[in-house]
Amino acid sequence: MRRGSSGAALALGLLTVLPVPARREPRGLGRAAAWFPAVGALVGFAAGAVRFALEPALGPGVAAVLAAIALVVVTGALHQDGLADCADALGVRGGRERRLAVMRDSTVGAFGVLAVALWALLLVAALASLPRDQAVWALVLACMQGRWAAVLHAVAFGPARRDGLGAAFAPSRTSAVLATATVIAAALVHRPVAALTAAGTAALVALAVTMWARRTLGGRTGDTLGATVALTEALACVVLLGFLRP
């Protein structure tokens, strides 16, 4: 029980801005992987609650924008930062070391800005089109699957560097299995066909990012983990919209 609570605290501290003391413990992050989908569910519920609560007063468009803002604020823009850095690395010319250097640079380039802007547009458009009574469920599911996709990405390939989050986050097979079981169980609770289709999309995103990281970076990094989460969230919402739209 003590080990489980420690893993939950690590996951909560890593994936949210909540002041959890475990945030300052970079080692042993792999054991937190089993809790990633659960933390994702909390993040998705917070954003979904904003979408649900504000639609009657502000309309679906404004409510969707505010829900996306809540999603970014709760996570400290951790995943959007990773998406921007990966986009900059994708656009730069040069070899592996050059791309890794660009990803470590705190300056965001044009490719990074465009990637985050397009991500935001896609997510907001999908959220605005979701039926109000399904928005919370869709965001909970999408955020769960986004963190699960990051676990799959981490398990599929080793780190590109010896330091950093990509190296520190090394989930065990047991943690990955537990995370997968959580996602599947959640998918079977409500609209299983839609939920499992979204889960398949999450797995494809993890595979695509892994293949790109293997070819261009030589392994995963904290940024590729973040990009996997962000891309999965948006695409899962789009897939769920395809099933939920009247």
Protein backbone atom coordinates (compact mmCIF):
# COMPACT_ATOMS: atom_id res chain seq x y z
CA MET A 1 0.00 0.00 0.00
CA ARG A 2 2.86 2.36 0.82
CA ARG A 3 4.49 1.70 -2.53
CA GLY A 4 1.19 2.23 -4.33
CA SER A 5 0.51 5.55 -2.61
CA SER A 6 4.06 6.65 -3.41
CA GLY A 7 3.52 5.86 -7.09
CA ALA A 8 0.23 7.75 -7.09
CA ALA A 9 1.89 10.79 -5.51
CA LEU A 10 4.71 10.68 -8.06
CA ALA A 11 2.22 10.53 -10.94
CA LEU A 12 0.14 13.36 -9.51
CA GLY A 13 3.20 15.51 -8.89
CA LEU A 14 4.63 14.91 -12.34
CA LEU A 15 1.47 15.33 -14.40
CA THR A 16 -0.23 18.22 -12.59
CA VAL A 17 0.65 21.51 -10.92
CA LEU A 18 -0.61 20.27 -7.56
CA PRO A 19 2.03 20.82 -4.85
CA VAL A 20 2.82 17.17 -4.22
CA PRO A 21 6.20 16.68 -2.47
CA ALA A 22 7.04 13.76 -4.77
CA ARG A 23 7.39 16.27 -7.62
CA ARG A 24 10.98 16.83 -6.41
CA GLU A 25 11.89 13.15 -6.68
CA PRO A 26 12.90 12.45 -10.29
CA ARG A 27 14.17 8.93 -9.61
CA GLY A 28 11.85 5.98 -9.60
CA LEU A 29 9.26 7.60 -11.83
CA GLY A 30 8.70 4.30 -13.61
CA ARG A 31 6.60 2.95 -10.74
CA ALA A 32 4.22 5.89 -11.20
CA ALA A 33 3.25 4.71 -14.70
CA ALA A 34 0.47 2.49 -13.40
CA TRP A 35 -1.23 5.61 -12.04
CA PHE A 36 -0.95 7.70 -15.20
CA PRO A 37 -4.45 6.89 -16.52
CA ALA A 38 -6.00 7.62 -13.11
CA VAL A 39 -4.32 11.02 -12.94
CA GLY A 40 -5.42 11.61 -16.53
CA ALA A 41 -9.00 10.91 -15.47
CA LEU A 42 -8.75 13.61 -12.79
CA VAL A 43 -7.33 16.11 -15.29
CA GLY A 44 -10.02 15.26 -17.83
CA PHE A 45 -12.76 15.57 -15.22
CA ALA A 46 -11.56 19.04 -14.24
CA ALA A 47 -11.56 20.25 -17.85
CA GLY A 48 -14.82 18.46 -18.63
CA ALA A 49 -16.52 20.03 -15.63
CA VAL A 50 -15.62 23.47 -16.98
CA ARG A 51 -17.07 22.57 -20.39
CA PHE A 52 -20.26 21.16 -18.86
CA ALA A 53 -20.84 23.90 -16.28
CA LEU A 54 -20.24 26.92 -18.51
CA GLU A 55 -22.06 25.90 -21.69
CA PRO A 56 -25.55 27.02 -20.57
CA ALA A 57 -24.31 30.52 -19.79
CA LEU A 58 -21.60 31.03 -22.44
CA GLY A 59 -22.38 28.59 -25.24
CA PRO A 60 -20.35 25.57 -26.38
CA GLY A 61 -17.63 27.55 -28.17
CA VAL A 62 -16.52 29.71 -25.26
CA ALA A 63 -16.99 26.82 -22.83
CA ALA A 64 -14.72 24.67 -25.00
CA VAL A 65 -12.00 27.33 -25.05
CA LEU A 66 -12.15 27.66 -21.27
CA ALA A 67 -12.05 23.87 -20.89
CA ALA A 68 -8.90 23.73 -23.03
CA ILE A 69 -7.37 26.50 -20.91
CA ALA A 70 -8.24 24.54 -17.76
CA LEU A 71 -6.55 21.48 -19.26
CA VAL A 72 -3.36 23.43 -19.91
CA VAL A 73 -3.38 25.19 -16.53
CA VAL A 74 -3.92 21.99 -14.50
CA THR A 75 -0.98 20.32 -16.23
CA GLY A 76 1.27 23.37 -16.28
CA ALA A 77 1.46 23.23 -20.11
CA LEU A 78 3.82 20.27 -19.67
CA HIS A 79 2.59 18.38 -22.70
CA GLN A 80 2.16 21.38 -24.96
CA ASP A 81 5.78 22.32 -24.25
CA GLY A 82 6.84 18.84 -25.37
CA LEU A 83 4.74 19.11 -28.52
CA ALA A 84 6.31 22.48 -29.38
CA ASP A 85 9.85 21.19 -28.84
CA CYS A 86 9.22 18.09 -30.97
CA ALA A 87 7.77 20.23 -33.75
CA ASP A 88 10.85 22.47 -33.69
CA ALA A 89 13.08 19.39 -33.86
CA LEU A 90 11.01 18.09 -36.76
CA GLY A 91 11.53 21.31 -38.68
CA VAL A 92 15.24 21.79 -38.06
CA ARG A 93 17.93 20.61 -40.46
CA GLY A 94 20.72 18.50 -39.05
CA GLY A 95 21.43 15.22 -37.34
CA ARG A 96 20.46 13.70 -34.02
CA GLU A 97 22.60 15.96 -31.83
CA ARG A 98 21.33 19.09 -33.56
CA ARG A 99 17.70 18.06 -33.06
CA LEU A 100 18.26 17.20 -29.40
CA ALA A 101 19.95 20.57 -28.86
CA VAL A 102 16.97 22.37 -30.41
CA MET A 103 14.59 20.46 -28.14
CA ARG A 104 16.56 21.57 -25.07
CA ASP A 105 16.54 25.19 -26.14
CA SER A 106 13.96 27.14 -24.14
CA THR A 107 13.14 29.29 -27.16
CA VAL A 108 10.08 28.17 -29.13
CA GLY A 109 10.42 28.38 -32.91
CA ALA A 110 7.89 28.83 -35.67
CA PHE A 111 7.20 25.11 -35.99
CA GLY A 112 6.54 24.85 -32.27
CA VAL A 113 4.13 27.78 -32.28
CA LEU A 114 2.25 26.37 -35.25
CA ALA A 115 2.04 22.90 -33.70
CA VAL A 116 0.55 24.18 -30.44
CA ALA A 117 -1.82 26.52 -32.27
CA LEU A 118 -3.10 23.72 -34.50
CA TRP A 119 -3.41 21.40 -31.50
CA ALA A 120 -5.49 24.01 -29.67
CA LEU A 121 -7.72 24.63 -32.68
CA LEU A 122 -8.36 20.92 -33.19
CA LEU A 123 -9.08 20.28 -29.51
CA VAL A 124 -11.36 23.30 -29.08
CA ALA A 125 -13.28 22.49 -32.27
CA ALA A 126 -13.84 18.93 -31.09
CA LEU A 127 -14.85 20.00 -27.58
CA ALA A 128 -17.25 22.63 -28.87
CA SER A 129 -19.00 20.03 -31.03
CA LEU A 130 -19.37 17.39 -28.32
CA PRO A 131 -22.85 17.04 -26.78
CA ARG A 132 -22.92 18.65 -23.35
CA ASP A 133 -24.01 15.46 -21.59
CA GLN A 134 -21.04 13.54 -23.05
CA ALA A 135 -18.30 16.15 -22.77
CA VAL A 136 -17.06 15.15 -19.31
CA TRP A 137 -16.90 11.47 -20.23
CA ALA A 138 -15.08 12.22 -23.48
CA LEU A 139 -12.45 14.39 -21.78
CA VAL A 140 -11.91 11.89 -18.97
CA LEU A 141 -11.39 9.14 -21.51
CA ALA A 142 -9.15 11.22 -23.80
CA CYS A 143 -6.92 12.34 -20.94
CA MET A 144 -6.65 8.80 -19.58
CA GLN A 145 -5.66 7.49 -22.97
CA GLY A 146 -3.18 10.30 -23.53
CA ARG A 147 -1.19 9.36 -20.42
CA TRP A 148 -1.49 5.68 -21.29
CA ALA A 149 -0.06 6.38 -24.75
CA ALA A 150 2.94 8.01 -23.06
CA VAL A 151 3.47 4.82 -21.05
CA LEU A 152 3.34 2.75 -24.25
CA HIS A 153 5.84 5.10 -25.87
CA ALA A 154 8.20 4.79 -22.90
CA VAL A 155 7.98 0.99 -22.88
CA ALA A 156 8.52 0.68 -26.63
CA PHE A 157 11.94 2.33 -26.83
CA GLY A 158 14.83 3.44 -24.65
CA PRO A 159 15.90 7.02 -23.80
CA ALA A 160 17.83 9.22 -26.21
CA ARG A 161 19.93 10.66 -23.37
CA ARG A 162 21.28 9.37 -20.10
CA ASP A 163 19.70 12.24 -18.20
CA GLY A 164 16.36 14.01 -18.22
CA LEU A 165 12.79 12.85 -17.87
CA GLY A 166 13.05 10.47 -20.81
CA ALA A 167 15.69 8.47 -18.97
CA ALA A 168 14.14 8.77 -15.50
CA PHE A 169 10.73 7.59 -16.67
CA ALA A 170 11.25 3.88 -17.35
CA PRO A 171 8.00 2.00 -16.66
CA SER A 172 8.16 -1.66 -15.76
CA ARG A 173 6.10 -4.18 -17.68
CA THR A 174 3.90 -4.62 -14.63
CA SER A 175 3.16 -0.89 -14.48
CA ALA A 176 2.40 -0.83 -18.20
CA VAL A 177 0.03 -3.79 -17.86
CA LEU A 178 -1.78 -2.14 -14.95
CA ALA A 179 -2.11 1.12 -16.88
CA THR A 180 -3.46 -0.79 -19.89
CA ALA A 181 -5.95 -2.69 -17.74
CA THR A 182 -7.20 0.61 -16.27
CA VAL A 183 -7.75 2.11 -19.72
CA ILE A 184 -9.55 -0.97 -21.03
CA ALA A 185 -11.76 -1.20 -17.94
CA ALA A 186 -12.72 2.46 -18.32
CA ALA A 187 -13.46 1.93 -22.02
CA LEU A 188 -15.88 -0.90 -21.26
CA VAL A 189 -17.99 1.14 -18.83
CA HIS A 190 -19.73 3.38 -21.39
CA ARG A 191 -19.95 3.26 -25.19
CA PRO A 192 -17.25 0.58 -25.50
CA VAL A 193 -17.01 0.68 -29.30
CA ALA A 194 -16.27 4.40 -29.32
CA ALA A 195 -13.96 4.16 -26.32
CA LEU A 196 -11.97 1.23 -27.66
CA THR A 197 -11.65 2.92 -31.04
CA ALA A 198 -10.20 5.96 -29.29
CA ALA A 199 -7.85 3.66 -27.38
CA GLY A 200 -6.68 2.17 -30.66
CA THR A 201 -6.00 5.69 -31.90
CA ALA A 202 -3.95 6.35 -28.76
CA ALA A 203 -1.86 3.25 -29.44
CA LEU A 204 -1.28 4.38 -33.03
CA VAL A 205 -0.12 7.81 -31.83
CA ALA A 206 2.31 6.14 -29.43
CA LEU A 207 3.60 3.98 -32.28
CA ALA A 208 3.98 6.93 -34.65
CA VAL A 209 5.88 9.06 -32.12
CA THR A 210 8.08 6.08 -31.21
CA MET A 211 8.99 5.45 -34.84
CA TRP A 212 9.80 9.13 -35.37
CA ALA A 213 11.87 9.31 -32.18
CA ARG A 214 13.75 6.13 -33.11
CA ARG A 215 14.61 7.44 -36.56
CA THR A 216 15.51 11.04 -35.72
CA LEU A 217 16.47 11.18 -32.04
CA GLY A 218 17.70 7.71 -31.19
CA GLY A 219 15.21 7.31 -28.34
CA ARG A 220 12.52 8.90 -26.24
CA THR A 221 12.81 12.17 -24.34
CA GLY A 222 10.57 14.04 -21.94
CA ASP A 223 9.41 16.09 -24.91
CA THR A 224 8.36 13.06 -26.96
CA LEU A 225 6.42 11.80 -23.95
CA GLY A 226 4.64 15.14 -23.66
CA ALA A 227 3.92 15.32 -27.37
CA THR A 228 2.40 11.84 -27.24
CA VAL A 229 -0.01 12.95 -24.51
CA ALA A 230 -1.04 16.16 -26.27
CA LEU A 231 -1.58 14.54 -29.68
CA THR A 232 -3.56 11.68 -28.20
CA GLU A 233 -5.85 13.98 -26.22
CA ALA A 234 -6.83 15.95 -29.31
CA LEU A 235 -7.19 12.97 -31.64
CA ALA A 236 -9.12 10.91 -29.09
CA CYS A 237 -11.61 13.77 -28.73
CA VAL A 238 -12.00 13.87 -32.52
CA VAL A 239 -12.58 10.12 -32.69
CA LEU A 240 -15.13 10.23 -29.87
CA LEU A 241 -16.87 13.15 -31.58
CA GLY A 242 -17.33 10.96 -34.65
CA PHE A 243 -19.35 8.53 -32.54
CA LEU A 244 -21.18 11.08 -30.38
CA ARG A 245 -22.16 13.79 -32.87
CA PRO A 246 -25.93 13.62 -33.54
